[in-house]
Amino acid sequence: MRGYFADDLLLILPTSDTDGVCVFGEVLGAHKGALAMALNAQRHAAQEITIDLTGVHYLANSALEILVALANNLQPPQRLLVRAAPELAIQERLTARGWDGITTLRLVDG
């Protein structure tokens, strides 16, 4: 990935102050590859990889699965920090699938 991804529904940009990405728009299943590439580019350099979803209006379950898969493949002390608006109900969605105990995944309200 060359620092960003954009299509009619989604924009992914690298963050300027942390290791991670900012995401804007709607994240559909078709965006799983772009999301995975953007996050994996940060994986080897960072202790904490941040994904800022505060600009996201819709997050498909398949995209949430990409976040969980990345977090599951991190080795502590590395972790994935997910910043999201409460409207995405990420904590509830993680809990419903039994993914709320992943130690390398941290959710904060944005």
Protein backbone atom coordinates (compact mmCIF):
# COMPACT_ATOMS: atom_id res chain seq x y z
CA MET A 1 0.00 0.00 0.00
CA ARG A 2 1.33 3.41 -0.93
CA GLY A 3 0.15 5.24 2.15
CA TYR A 4 -3.56 5.31 1.36
CA PHE A 5 -6.53 3.61 -0.26
CA ALA A 6 -9.56 5.33 -1.75
CA ASP A 7 -12.68 4.36 -3.63
CA ASP A 8 -16.23 5.72 -3.78
CA LEU A 9 -17.06 4.50 -0.25
CA LEU A 10 -13.82 4.25 1.68
CA LEU A 11 -10.68 6.25 2.42
CA ILE A 12 -7.75 4.80 4.39
CA LEU A 13 -4.90 7.12 5.39
CA PRO A 14 -1.83 6.55 7.54
CA THR A 15 -1.98 8.36 10.87
CA SER A 16 0.44 11.19 11.42
CA ASP A 17 0.98 10.83 15.17
CA THR A 18 0.83 7.04 15.80
CA ASP A 19 1.57 3.80 13.98
CA GLY A 20 -1.69 2.97 12.27
CA VAL A 21 -4.41 4.14 9.95
CA CYS A 22 -7.45 6.42 9.90
CA VAL A 23 -10.48 5.09 8.07
CA PHE A 24 -13.37 7.14 6.69
CA GLY A 25 -16.65 6.11 5.08
CA GLU A 26 -18.11 2.62 4.81
CA VAL A 27 -16.01 -0.53 5.20
CA LEU A 28 -17.60 -3.34 3.18
CA GLY A 29 -16.51 -6.92 2.73
CA ALA A 30 -14.94 -5.90 -0.56
CA HIS A 31 -12.52 -3.72 1.41
CA LYS A 32 -11.05 -6.54 3.51
CA GLY A 33 -7.92 -6.78 1.38
CA ALA A 34 -7.17 -3.06 1.48
CA LEU A 35 -7.78 -2.95 5.23
CA ALA A 36 -5.57 -5.97 5.86
CA MET A 37 -2.74 -4.55 3.73
CA ALA A 38 -2.92 -1.18 5.48
CA LEU A 39 -2.73 -2.73 8.93
CA ASN A 40 -0.13 -5.35 8.07
CA ALA A 41 2.16 -2.60 6.80
CA GLN A 42 2.28 -1.33 10.40
CA ARG A 43 2.60 -4.73 12.05
CA HIS A 44 6.38 -5.13 12.18
CA ALA A 45 7.26 -1.60 13.22
CA ALA A 46 4.84 -0.90 16.03
CA GLN A 47 4.16 -2.06 19.56
CA GLU A 48 0.68 -0.60 19.28
CA ILE A 49 -1.11 -0.40 15.96
CA THR A 50 -3.98 2.07 15.95
CA ILE A 51 -6.97 1.93 13.67
CA ASP A 52 -9.12 5.03 13.97
CA LEU A 53 -12.66 4.20 12.88
CA THR A 54 -14.26 7.39 14.21
CA GLY A 55 -14.93 8.48 10.63
CA VAL A 56 -16.63 5.19 9.71
CA HIS A 57 -20.42 5.02 9.33
CA TYR A 58 -20.64 1.29 8.59
CA LEU A 59 -18.30 -1.62 9.35
CA ALA A 60 -19.14 -5.01 7.83
CA ASN A 61 -18.74 -8.08 10.00
CA SER A 62 -16.18 -9.44 7.55
CA ALA A 63 -14.09 -6.30 8.08
CA LEU A 64 -14.37 -6.77 11.84
CA GLU A 65 -13.06 -10.30 11.31
CA ILE A 66 -9.93 -8.82 9.69
CA LEU A 67 -9.29 -6.74 12.82
CA VAL A 68 -9.73 -9.79 15.03
CA ALA A 69 -7.45 -11.90 12.82
CA LEU A 70 -4.71 -9.27 12.97
CA ALA A 71 -5.03 -8.94 16.75
CA ASN A 72 -4.90 -12.73 17.14
CA ASN A 73 -1.64 -12.83 15.20
CA LEU A 74 0.10 -10.17 17.30
CA GLN A 75 2.53 -11.21 20.01
CA PRO A 76 2.31 -9.32 23.34
CA PRO A 77 3.29 -6.66 24.10
CA GLN A 78 2.05 -5.76 20.62
CA ARG A 79 -1.64 -4.94 20.37
CA LEU A 80 -4.26 -3.48 18.08
CA LEU A 81 -5.94 -0.36 19.42
CA VAL A 82 -9.34 0.23 17.81
CA ARG A 83 -10.79 3.70 18.23
CA ALA A 84 -14.45 3.81 17.19
CA ALA A 85 -17.69 5.67 17.78
CA PRO A 86 -20.22 3.87 20.01
CA GLU A 87 -22.67 3.78 17.08
CA LEU A 88 -20.61 0.99 15.46
CA ALA A 89 -21.34 -1.20 18.52
CA ILE A 90 -17.97 -2.90 18.20
CA GLN A 91 -17.79 -4.02 21.83
CA GLU A 92 -21.21 -5.63 21.59
CA ARG A 93 -20.31 -7.30 18.29
CA LEU A 94 -17.06 -8.65 19.73
CA THR A 95 -18.84 -9.96 22.81
CA ALA A 96 -21.57 -11.64 20.74
CA ARG A 97 -18.92 -13.61 18.86
CA GLY A 98 -16.80 -14.46 21.91
CA TRP A 99 -13.96 -12.20 20.77
CA ASP A 100 -14.03 -9.83 23.74
CA GLY A 101 -11.26 -11.70 25.58
CA ILE A 102 -8.53 -11.15 23.00
CA THR A 103 -5.67 -9.64 25.00
CA THR A 104 -3.98 -8.08 21.95
CA LEU A 105 -7.13 -6.12 21.01
CA ARG A 106 -8.11 -2.96 22.85
CA LEU A 107 -11.20 -0.91 22.08
CA VAL A 108 -11.57 2.76 23.02
CA ASP A 109 -14.44 5.11 22.31
CA GLY A 110 -13.52 7.77 19.80
